[in-house]
Amino acid sequence: MEYATEALSDEASEITPNDLAGDYACIAEIIGIENTILLHKHYRGQQITLPQRLYSVQYVVKEVERQLGTHSLSDLAKKYGYTERRLRQLIKEDSKL
């Protein structure tokens, strides 16, 4: 879906986060009014659940393997939200593929 950014800019320039209902005000504080309007137009009426982890397992394994020489497994586990044990398991599973 594409929206006219010019129209969104005009609409967004007249609105403050306090003008928005409920959670939209909080969202606008984080991502801005214009992006909140886009989010609303695209997903209104739907419930959105965001996964706890931002990155895919494949990406995490690739990055951990790449960074292991310069960073500790402990630091990488914290960075990507895994335990050291789970990272080792993921790397082992990936090497079998």
PDB file of N, CA and C in Angstrom:
ATOM      1  N   MET A   1       0.830  -1.187   0.000  1.00  0.00           N
ATOM      2  CA  MET A   1       0.000   0.000   0.000  1.00  0.00           C
ATOM      3  C   MET A   1       0.870   1.243   0.000  1.00  0.00           C
ATOM      4  N   GLU A   2       0.571   2.144  -0.874  1.00  0.00           N
ATOM      5  CA  GLU A   2       1.298   3.400  -0.896  1.00  0.00           C
ATOM      6  C   GLU A   2       0.356   4.524  -0.513  1.00  0.00           C
ATOM      7  N   TYR A   3       0.853   5.451   0.251  1.00  0.00           N
ATOM      8  CA  TYR A   3       0.072   6.604   0.664  1.00  0.00           C
ATOM      9  C   TYR A   3       0.801   7.851   0.209  1.00  0.00           C
ATOM     10  N   ALA A   4       0.035   8.861  -0.148  1.00  0.00           N
ATOM     11  CA  ALA A   4       0.634  10.114  -0.574  1.00  0.00           C
ATOM     12  C   ALA A   4       1.341  10.747   0.620  1.00  0.00           C
ATOM     13  N   THR A   5       2.657  10.828   0.541  1.00  0.00           N
ATOM     14  CA  THR A   5       3.412  11.367   1.669  1.00  0.00           C
ATOM     15  C   THR A   5       3.138  12.850   1.873  1.00  0.00           C
ATOM     16  N   GLU A   6       2.812  13.548   0.800  1.00  0.00           N
ATOM     17  CA  GLU A   6       2.489  14.962   0.916  1.00  0.00           C
ATOM     18  C   GLU A   6       1.247  15.161   1.775  1.00  0.00           C
ATOM     19  N   ALA A   7       0.218  14.355   1.522  1.00  0.00           N
ATOM     20  CA  ALA A   7      -1.020  14.448   2.290  1.00  0.00           C
ATOM     21  C   ALA A   7      -0.770  14.066   3.742  1.00  0.00           C
ATOM     22  N   LEU A   8       0.064  13.058   3.955  1.00  0.00           N
ATOM     23  CA  LEU A   8       0.391  12.657   5.323  1.00  0.00           C
ATOM     24  C   LEU A   8       1.134  13.763   6.051  1.00  0.00           C
ATOM     25  N   SER A   9       2.063  14.405   5.364  1.00  0.00           N
ATOM     26  CA  SER A   9       2.823  15.487   5.984  1.00  0.00           C
ATOM     27  C   SER A   9       1.911  16.623   6.406  1.00  0.00           C
ATOM     28  N   ASP A  10       0.952  16.969   5.548  1.00  0.00           N
ATOM     29  CA  ASP A  10       0.001  18.029   5.883  1.00  0.00           C
ATOM     30  C   ASP A  10      -0.826  17.641   7.098  1.00  0.00           C
ATOM     31  N   GLU A  11      -1.326  16.412   7.097  1.00  0.00           N
ATOM     32  CA  GLU A  11      -2.139  15.923   8.206  1.00  0.00           C
ATOM     33  C   GLU A  11      -1.311  15.853   9.488  1.00  0.00           C
ATOM     34  N   ALA A  12      -0.095  15.358   9.383  1.00  0.00           N
ATOM     35  CA  ALA A  12       0.762  15.175  10.550  1.00  0.00           C
ATOM     36  C   ALA A  12       1.227  16.501  11.137  1.00  0.00           C
ATOM     37  N   SER A  13       1.375  17.522  10.309  1.00  0.00           N
ATOM     38  CA  SER A  13       1.881  18.803  10.800  1.00  0.00           C
ATOM     39  C   SER A  13       0.900  19.494  11.736  1.00  0.00           C
ATOM     40  N   GLU A  14      -0.356  19.119  11.667  1.00  0.00           N
ATOM     41  CA  GLU A  14      -1.377  19.754  12.496  1.00  0.00           C
ATOM     42  C   GLU A  14      -1.684  18.961  13.762  1.00  0.00           C
ATOM     43  N   ILE A  15      -1.040  17.830  13.959  1.00  0.00           N
ATOM     44  CA  ILE A  15      -1.374  16.928  15.057  1.00  0.00           C
ATOM     45  C   ILE A  15      -0.198  16.804  16.019  1.00  0.00           C
ATOM     46  N   THR A  16      -0.509  16.697  17.306  1.00  0.00           N
ATOM     47  CA  THR A  16       0.501  16.393  18.318  1.00  0.00           C
ATOM     48  C   THR A  16       0.167  15.024  18.905  1.00  0.00           C
ATOM     49  N   PRO A  17       1.117  14.369  19.553  1.00  0.00           N
ATOM     50  CA  PRO A  17       0.818  13.066  20.160  1.00  0.00           C
ATOM     51  C   PRO A  17      -0.367  13.110  21.130  1.00  0.00           C
ATOM     52  N   ASN A  18      -0.550  14.231  21.812  1.00  0.00           N
ATOM     53  CA  ASN A  18      -1.668  14.361  22.749  1.00  0.00           C
ATOM     54  C   ASN A  18      -3.024  14.337  22.053  1.00  0.00           C
ATOM     55  N   ASP A  19      -3.052  14.574  20.748  1.00  0.00           N
ATOM     56  CA  ASP A  19      -4.304  14.543  19.992  1.00  0.00           C
ATOM     57  C   ASP A  19      -4.722  13.118  19.642  1.00  0.00           C
ATOM     58  N   LEU A  20      -3.842  12.174  19.836  1.00  0.00           N
ATOM     59  CA  LEU A  20      -4.101  10.792  19.433  1.00  0.00           C
ATOM     60  C   LEU A  20      -4.670   9.972  20.583  1.00  0.00           C
ATOM     61  N   ALA A  21      -5.437   8.951  20.218  1.00  0.00           N
ATOM     62  CA  ALA A  21      -6.097   8.098  21.207  1.00  0.00           C
ATOM     63  C   ALA A  21      -5.142   7.056  21.781  1.00  0.00           C
ATOM     64  N   GLY A  22      -5.253   6.815  23.074  1.00  0.00           N
ATOM     65  CA  GLY A  22      -4.590   5.708  23.761  1.00  0.00           C
ATOM     66  C   GLY A  22      -3.152   5.447  23.377  1.00  0.00           C
ATOM     67  N   ASP A  23      -2.915   4.225  22.940  1.00  0.00           N
ATOM     68  CA  ASP A  23      -1.557   3.783  22.617  1.00  0.00           C
ATOM     69  C   ASP A  23      -0.957   4.525  21.431  1.00  0.00           C
ATOM     70  N   TYR A  24      -1.798   5.112  20.584  1.00  0.00           N
ATOM     71  CA  TYR A  24      -1.261   5.852  19.436  1.00  0.00           C
ATOM     72  C   TYR A  24      -0.407   7.033  19.888  1.00  0.00           C
ATOM     73  N   ALA A  25      -0.751   7.640  21.018  1.00  0.00           N
ATOM     74  CA  ALA A  25       0.051   8.748  21.534  1.00  0.00           C
ATOM     75  C   ALA A  25       1.449   8.261  21.901  1.00  0.00           C
ATOM     76  N   CYS A  26       1.525   7.115  22.559  1.00  0.00           N
ATOM     77  CA  CYS A  26       2.833   6.538  22.930  1.00  0.00           C
ATOM     78  C   CYS A  26       3.633   6.161  21.690  1.00  0.00           C
ATOM     79  N   ILE A  27       2.954   5.565  20.730  1.00  0.00           N
ATOM     80  CA  ILE A  27       3.617   5.166  19.487  1.00  0.00           C
ATOM     81  C   ILE A  27       4.159   6.394  18.765  1.00  0.00           C
ATOM     82  N   ALA A  28       3.369   7.464  18.722  1.00  0.00           N
ATOM     83  CA  ALA A  28       3.790   8.695  18.046  1.00  0.00           C
ATOM     84  C   ALA A  28       5.021   9.302  18.705  1.00  0.00           C
ATOM     85  N   GLU A  29       5.124   9.169  20.014  1.00  0.00           N
ATOM     86  CA  GLU A  29       6.308   9.679  20.719  1.00  0.00           C
ATOM     87  C   GLU A  29       7.570   8.941  20.266  1.00  0.00           C
ATOM     88  N   ILE A  30       7.410   7.680  19.924  1.00  0.00           N
ATOM     89  CA  ILE A  30       8.562   6.854  19.549  1.00  0.00           C
ATOM     90  C   ILE A  30       8.892   6.969  18.063  1.00  0.00           C
ATOM     91  N   ILE A  31       7.882   6.839  17.197  1.00  0.00           N
ATOM     92  CA  ILE A  31       8.158   6.781  15.754  1.00  0.00           C
ATOM     93  C   ILE A  31       7.697   8.014  14.989  1.00  0.00           C
ATOM     94  N   GLY A  32       7.069   8.955  15.671  1.00  0.00           N
ATOM     95  CA  GLY A  32       6.620  10.177  15.023  1.00  0.00           C
ATOM     96  C   GLY A  32       5.172  10.087  14.553  1.00  0.00           C
ATOM     97  N   ILE A  33       4.569  11.253  14.379  1.00  0.00           N
ATOM     98  CA  ILE A  33       3.161  11.350  13.989  1.00  0.00           C
ATOM     99  C   ILE A  33       2.920  10.730  12.615  1.00  0.00           C
ATOM    100  N   GLU A  34       3.752  11.090  11.651  1.00  0.00           N
ATOM    101  CA  GLU A  34       3.549  10.622  10.275  1.00  0.00           C
ATOM    102  C   GLU A  34       3.591   9.094  10.192  1.00  0.00           C
ATOM    103  N   ASN A  35       4.568   8.484  10.846  1.00  0.00           N
ATOM    104  CA  ASN A  35       4.659   7.022  10.836  1.00  0.00           C
ATOM    105  C   ASN A  35       3.510   6.381  11.602  1.00  0.00           C
ATOM    106  N   THR A  36       3.042   7.047  12.655  1.00  0.00           N
ATOM    107  CA  THR A  36       1.893   6.534  13.405  1.00  0.00           C
ATOM    108  C   THR A  36       0.642   6.549  12.536  1.00  0.00           C
ATOM    109  N   ILE A  37       0.471   7.596  11.759  1.00  0.00           N
ATOM    110  CA  ILE A  37      -0.675   7.675  10.845  1.00  0.00           C
ATOM    111  C   ILE A  37      -0.591   6.554   9.808  1.00  0.00           C
ATOM    112  N   LEU A  38       0.597   6.313   9.263  1.00  0.00           N
ATOM    113  CA  LEU A  38       0.777   5.211   8.309  1.00  0.00           C
ATOM    114  C   LEU A  38       0.459   3.867   8.954  1.00  0.00           C
ATOM    115  N   LEU A  39       0.934   3.673  10.162  1.00  0.00           N
ATOM    116  CA  LEU A  39       0.671   2.439  10.898  1.00  0.00           C
ATOM    117  C   LEU A  39      -0.831   2.249  11.091  1.00  0.00           C
ATOM    118  N   HIS A  40      -1.504   3.319  11.468  1.00  0.00           N
ATOM    119  CA  HIS A  40      -2.958   3.266  11.674  1.00  0.00           C
ATOM    120  C   HIS A  40      -3.691   2.956  10.377  1.00  0.00           C
ATOM    121  N   LYS A  41      -3.317   3.618   9.301  1.00  0.00           N
ATOM    122  CA  LYS A  41      -4.001   3.394   8.019  1.00  0.00           C
ATOM    123  C   LYS A  41      -3.819   1.961   7.533  1.00  0.00           C
ATOM    124  N   HIS A  42      -2.667   1.396   7.810  1.00  0.00           N
ATOM    125  CA  HIS A  42      -2.380   0.047   7.323  1.00  0.00           C
ATOM    126  C   HIS A  42      -2.938  -1.047   8.235  1.00  0.00           C
ATOM    127  N   TYR A  43      -2.895  -0.843   9.548  1.00  0.00           N
ATOM    128  CA  TYR A  43      -3.234  -1.913  10.490  1.00  0.00           C
ATOM    129  C   TYR A  43      -4.451  -1.633  11.373  1.00  0.00           C
ATOM    130  N   ARG A  44      -5.161  -0.539  11.164  1.00  0.00           N
ATOM    131  CA  ARG A  44      -6.257  -0.196  12.080  1.00  0.00           C
ATOM    132  C   ARG A  44      -7.243  -1.344  12.230  1.00  0.00           C
ATOM    133  N   GLY A  45      -7.670  -1.518  13.455  1.00  0.00           N
ATOM    134  CA  GLY A  45      -8.616  -2.579  13.760  1.00  0.00           C
ATOM    135  C   GLY A  45      -7.987  -3.933  14.003  1.00  0.00           C
ATOM    136  N   GLN A  46      -6.709  -4.057  13.722  1.00  0.00           N
ATOM    137  CA  GLN A  46      -6.026  -5.337  13.915  1.00  0.00           C
ATOM    138  C   GLN A  46      -5.204  -5.290  15.199  1.00  0.00           C
ATOM    139  N   GLN A  47      -5.028  -6.431  15.792  1.00  0.00           N
ATOM    140  CA  GLN A  47      -4.153  -6.526  16.955  1.00  0.00           C
ATOM    141  C   GLN A  47      -2.789  -6.984  16.466  1.00  0.00           C
ATOM    142  N   ILE A  48      -1.771  -6.262  16.854  1.00  0.00           N
ATOM    143  CA  ILE A  48      -0.411  -6.572  16.416  1.00  0.00           C
ATOM    144  C   ILE A  48       0.387  -7.076  17.614  1.00  0.00           C
ATOM    145  N   THR A  49       0.994  -8.230  17.453  1.00  0.00           N
ATOM    146  CA  THR A  49       1.889  -8.768  18.470  1.00  0.00           C
ATOM    147  C   THR A  49       3.286  -8.787  17.874  1.00  0.00           C
ATOM    148  N   LEU A  50       4.210  -8.146  18.550  1.00  0.00           N
ATOM    149  CA  LEU A  50       5.579  -8.084  18.051  1.00  0.00           C
ATOM    150  C   LEU A  50       6.414  -9.159  18.725  1.00  0.00           C
ATOM    151  N   PRO A  51       7.164  -9.931  17.940  1.00  0.00           N
ATOM    152  CA  PRO A  51       8.020 -10.965  18.528  1.00  0.00           C
ATOM    153  C   PRO A  51       9.042 -10.341  19.480  1.00  0.00           C
ATOM    154  N   GLN A  52       9.438 -11.107  20.476  1.00  0.00           N
ATOM    155  CA  GLN A  52      10.419 -10.629  21.444  1.00  0.00           C
ATOM    156  C   GLN A  52      11.765 -10.374  20.768  1.00  0.00           C
ATOM    157  N   ARG A  53      12.101 -11.206  19.801  1.00  0.00           N
ATOM    158  CA  ARG A  53      13.391 -11.065  19.128  1.00  0.00           C
ATOM    159  C   ARG A  53      13.208 -10.366  17.782  1.00  0.00           C
ATOM    160  N   LEU A  54      14.052  -9.389  17.542  1.00  0.00           N
ATOM    161  CA  LEU A  54      13.983  -8.609  16.311  1.00  0.00           C
ATOM    162  C   LEU A  54      14.617  -9.343  15.131  1.00  0.00           C
ATOM    163  N   TYR A  55      15.716 -10.047  15.381  1.00  0.00           N
ATOM    164  CA  TYR A  55      16.480 -10.659  14.300  1.00  0.00           C
ATOM    165  C   TYR A  55      16.131 -12.131  14.107  1.00  0.00           C
ATOM    166  N   SER A  56      16.230 -12.595  12.863  1.00  0.00           N
ATOM    167  CA  SER A  56      15.990 -14.009  12.568  1.00  0.00           C
ATOM    168  C   SER A  56      17.133 -14.850  13.137  1.00  0.00           C
ATOM    169  N   VAL A  57      16.851 -16.116  13.376  1.00  0.00           N
ATOM    170  CA  VAL A  57      17.869 -17.034  13.893  1.00  0.00           C
ATOM    171  C   VAL A  57      19.042 -17.108  12.916  1.00  0.00           C
ATOM    172  N   GLN A  58      18.753 -17.152  11.619  1.00  0.00           N
ATOM    173  CA  GLN A  58      19.815 -17.238  10.610  1.00  0.00           C
ATOM    174  C   GLN A  58      20.749 -16.025  10.695  1.00  0.00           C
ATOM    175  N   TYR A  59      20.167 -14.844  10.863  1.00  0.00           N
ATOM    176  CA  TYR A  59      20.973 -13.630  10.966  1.00  0.00           C
ATOM    177  C   TYR A  59      21.843 -13.670  12.224  1.00  0.00           C
ATOM    178  N   VAL A  60      21.243 -14.066  13.349  1.00  0.00           N
ATOM    179  CA  VAL A  60      21.979 -14.114  14.616  1.00  0.00           C
ATOM    180  C   VAL A  60      23.158 -15.073  14.509  1.00  0.00           C
ATOM    181  N   VAL A  61      22.922 -16.259  13.969  1.00  0.00           N
ATOM    182  CA  VAL A  61      24.005 -17.243  13.827  1.00  0.00           C
ATOM    183  C   VAL A  61      25.117 -16.677  12.949  1.00  0.00           C
ATOM    184  N   LYS A  62      24.751 -16.085  11.829  1.00  0.00           N
ATOM    185  CA  LYS A  62      25.743 -15.506  10.915  1.00  0.00           C
ATOM    186  C   LYS A  62      26.561 -14.421  11.613  1.00  0.00           C
ATOM    187  N   GLU A  63      25.888 -13.537  12.336  1.00  0.00           N
ATOM    188  CA  GLU A  63      26.580 -12.439  13.015  1.00  0.00           C
ATOM    189  C   GLU A  63      27.438 -12.934  14.177  1.00  0.00           C
ATOM    190  N   VAL A  64      26.937 -13.894  14.925  1.00  0.00           N
ATOM    191  CA  VAL A  64      27.717 -14.443  16.038  1.00  0.00           C
ATOM    192  C   VAL A  64      28.980 -15.103  15.499  1.00  0.00           C
ATOM    193  N   GLU A  65      28.845 -15.895  14.451  1.00  0.00           N
ATOM    194  CA  GLU A  65      30.021 -16.543  13.861  1.00  0.00           C
ATOM    195  C   GLU A  65      31.017 -15.505  13.344  1.00  0.00           C
ATOM    196  N   ARG A  66      30.514 -14.439  12.776  1.00  0.00           N
ATOM    197  CA  ARG A  66      31.372 -13.381  12.236  1.00  0.00           C
ATOM    198  C   ARG A  66      32.088 -12.610  13.348  1.00  0.00           C
ATOM    199  N   GLN A  67      31.398 -12.394  14.460  1.00  0.00           N
ATOM    200  CA  GLN A  67      31.938 -11.544  15.524  1.00  0.00           C
ATOM    201  C   GLN A  67      32.654 -12.308  16.640  1.00  0.00           C
ATOM    202  N   LEU A  68      32.642 -13.628  16.596  1.00  0.00           N
ATOM    203  CA  LEU A  68      33.227 -14.411  17.691  1.00  0.00           C
ATOM    204  C   LEU A  68      34.707 -14.135  17.918  1.00  0.00           C
ATOM    205  N   GLY A  69      35.434 -13.777  16.904  1.00  0.00           N
ATOM    206  CA  GLY A  69      36.858 -13.491  17.070  1.00  0.00           C
ATOM    207  C   GLY A  69      37.131 -12.215  17.844  1.00  0.00           C
ATOM    208  N   THR A  70      36.200 -11.285  17.820  1.00  0.00           N
ATOM    209  CA  THR A  70      36.423  -9.987  18.459  1.00  0.00           C
ATOM    210  C   THR A  70      35.527  -9.738  19.671  1.00  0.00           C
ATOM    211  N   HIS A  71      34.510 -10.568  19.862  1.00  0.00           N
ATOM    212  CA  HIS A  71      33.591 -10.410  20.994  1.00  0.00           C
ATOM    213  C   HIS A  71      33.407 -11.750  21.698  1.00  0.00           C
ATOM    214  N   SER A  72      33.141 -11.692  22.978  1.00  0.00           N
ATOM    215  CA  SER A  72      32.913 -12.937  23.721  1.00  0.00           C
ATOM    216  C   SER A  72      31.512 -13.458  23.432  1.00  0.00           C
ATOM    217  N   LEU A  73      31.339 -14.750  23.571  1.00  0.00           N
ATOM    218  CA  LEU A  73      30.029 -15.362  23.377  1.00  0.00           C
ATOM    219  C   LEU A  73      29.029 -14.783  24.373  1.00  0.00           C
ATOM    220  N   SER A  74      29.500 -14.489  25.569  1.00  0.00           N
ATOM    221  CA  SER A  74      28.650 -13.897  26.601  1.00  0.00           C
ATOM    222  C   SER A  74      28.101 -12.543  26.150  1.00  0.00           C
ATOM    223  N   ASP A  75      28.972 -11.702  25.602  1.00  0.00           N
ATOM    224  CA  ASP A  75      28.540 -10.386  25.115  1.00  0.00           C
ATOM    225  C   ASP A  75      27.556 -10.521  23.959  1.00  0.00           C
ATOM    226  N   LEU A  76      27.836 -11.437  23.047  1.00  0.00           N
ATOM    227  CA  LEU A  76      26.953 -11.635  21.897  1.00  0.00           C
ATOM    228  C   LEU A  76      25.601 -12.194  22.328  1.00  0.00           C
ATOM    229  N   ALA A  77      25.612 -13.065  23.318  1.00  0.00           N
ATOM    230  CA  ALA A  77      24.356 -13.617  23.836  1.00  0.00           C
ATOM    231  C   ALA A  77      23.491 -12.496  24.402  1.00  0.00           C
ATOM    232  N   LYS A  78      24.092 -11.607  25.155  1.00  0.00           N
ATOM    233  CA  LYS A  78      23.353 -10.464  25.717  1.00  0.00           C
ATOM    234  C   LYS A  78      22.836  -9.556  24.604  1.00  0.00           C
ATOM    235  N   LYS A  79      23.695  -9.299  23.625  1.00  0.00           N
ATOM    236  CA  LYS A  79      23.332  -8.399  22.530  1.00  0.00           C
ATOM    237  C   LYS A  79      22.102  -8.896  21.769  1.00  0.00           C
ATOM    238  N   TYR A  80      22.038 -10.199  21.519  1.00  0.00           N
ATOM    239  CA  TYR A  80      20.954 -10.748  20.707  1.00  0.00           C
ATOM    240  C   TYR A  80      19.832 -11.385  21.524  1.00  0.00           C
ATOM    241  N   GLY A  81      19.953 -11.357  22.857  1.00  0.00           N
ATOM    242  CA  GLY A  81      18.878 -11.840  23.712  1.00  0.00           C
ATOM    243  C   GLY A  81      18.764 -13.349  23.831  1.00  0.00           C
ATOM    244  N   TYR A  82      19.890 -14.029  23.770  1.00  0.00           N
ATOM    245  CA  TYR A  82      19.930 -15.481  23.920  1.00  0.00           C
ATOM    246  C   TYR A  82      20.846 -15.832  25.079  1.00  0.00           C
ATOM    247  N   THR A  83      20.761 -17.063  25.544  1.00  0.00           N
ATOM    248  CA  THR A  83      21.751 -17.553  26.507  1.00  0.00           C
ATOM    249  C   THR A  83      22.950 -18.060  25.712  1.00  0.00           C
ATOM    250  N   GLU A  84      24.082 -18.152  26.371  1.00  0.00           N
ATOM    251  CA  GLU A  84      25.272 -18.687  25.699  1.00  0.00           C
ATOM    252  C   GLU A  84      25.007 -20.111  25.223  1.00  0.00           C
ATOM    253  N   ARG A  85      24.349 -20.881  26.068  1.00  0.00           N
ATOM    254  CA  ARG A  85      24.048 -22.275  25.722  1.00  0.00           C
ATOM    255  C   ARG A  85      23.199 -22.349  24.460  1.00  0.00           C
ATOM    256  N   ARG A  86      22.184 -21.503  24.365  1.00  0.00           N
ATOM    257  CA  ARG A  86      21.310 -21.522  23.184  1.00  0.00           C
ATOM    258  C   ARG A  86      22.074 -21.083  21.931  1.00  0.00           C
ATOM    259  N   LEU A  87      22.946 -20.109  22.063  1.00  0.00           N
ATOM    260  CA  LEU A  87      23.751 -19.697  20.902  1.00  0.00           C
ATOM    261  C   LEU A  87      24.628 -20.843  20.417  1.00  0.00           C
ATOM    262  N   ARG A  88      25.240 -21.564  21.344  1.00  0.00           N
ATOM    263  CA  ARG A  88      26.057 -22.716  20.948  1.00  0.00           C
ATOM    264  C   ARG A  88      25.206 -23.747  20.207  1.00  0.00           C
ATOM    265  N   GLN A  89      23.993 -23.994  20.705  1.00  0.00           N
ATOM    266  CA  GLN A  89      23.084 -24.941  20.043  1.00  0.00           C
ATOM    267  C   GLN A  89      22.751 -24.474  18.628  1.00  0.00           C
ATOM    268  N   LEU A  90      22.447 -23.191  18.486  1.00  0.00           N
ATOM    269  CA  LEU A  90      22.088 -22.657  17.169  1.00  0.00           C
ATOM    270  C   LEU A  90      23.250 -22.768  16.192  1.00  0.00           C
ATOM    271  N   ILE A  91      24.454 -22.478  16.662  1.00  0.00           N
ATOM    272  CA  ILE A  91      25.640 -22.578  15.804  1.00  0.00           C
ATOM    273  C   ILE A  91      25.867 -24.027  15.395  1.00  0.00           C
ATOM    274  N   LYS A  92      25.711 -24.935  16.344  1.00  0.00           N
ATOM    275  CA  LYS A  92      25.893 -26.364  16.059  1.00  0.00           C
ATOM    276  C   LYS A  92      24.856 -26.843  15.041  1.00  0.00           C
ATOM    277  N   GLU A  93      23.597 -26.450  15.225  1.00  0.00           N
ATOM    278  CA  GLU A  93      22.533 -26.829  14.286  1.00  0.00           C
ATOM    279  C   GLU A  93      22.811 -26.270  12.898  1.00  0.00           C
ATOM    280  N   ASP A  94      23.305 -25.037  12.853  1.00  0.00           N
ATOM    281  CA  ASP A  94      23.596 -24.404  11.569  1.00  0.00           C
ATOM    282  C   ASP A  94      24.737 -25.108  10.848  1.00  0.00           C
ATOM    283  N   SER A  95      25.720 -25.576  11.586  1.00  0.00           N
ATOM    284  CA  SER A  95      26.868 -26.241  10.953  1.00  0.00           C
ATOM    285  C   SER A  95      26.488 -27.597  10.366  1.00  0.00           C
ATOM    286  N   LYS A  96      25.384 -28.184  10.841  1.00  0.00           N
ATOM    287  CA  LYS A  96      24.919 -29.470  10.312  1.00  0.00           C
ATOM    288  C   LYS A  96      24.194 -29.316   8.978  1.00  0.00           C
ATOM    289  N   LEU A  97      23.750 -28.103   8.678  1.00  0.00           N
ATOM    290  CA  LEU A  97      22.995 -27.889   7.429  1.00  0.00           C
ATOM    291  C   LEU A  97      23.868 -27.842   6.217  1.00  0.00           C
TER     292      LEU A  97
END
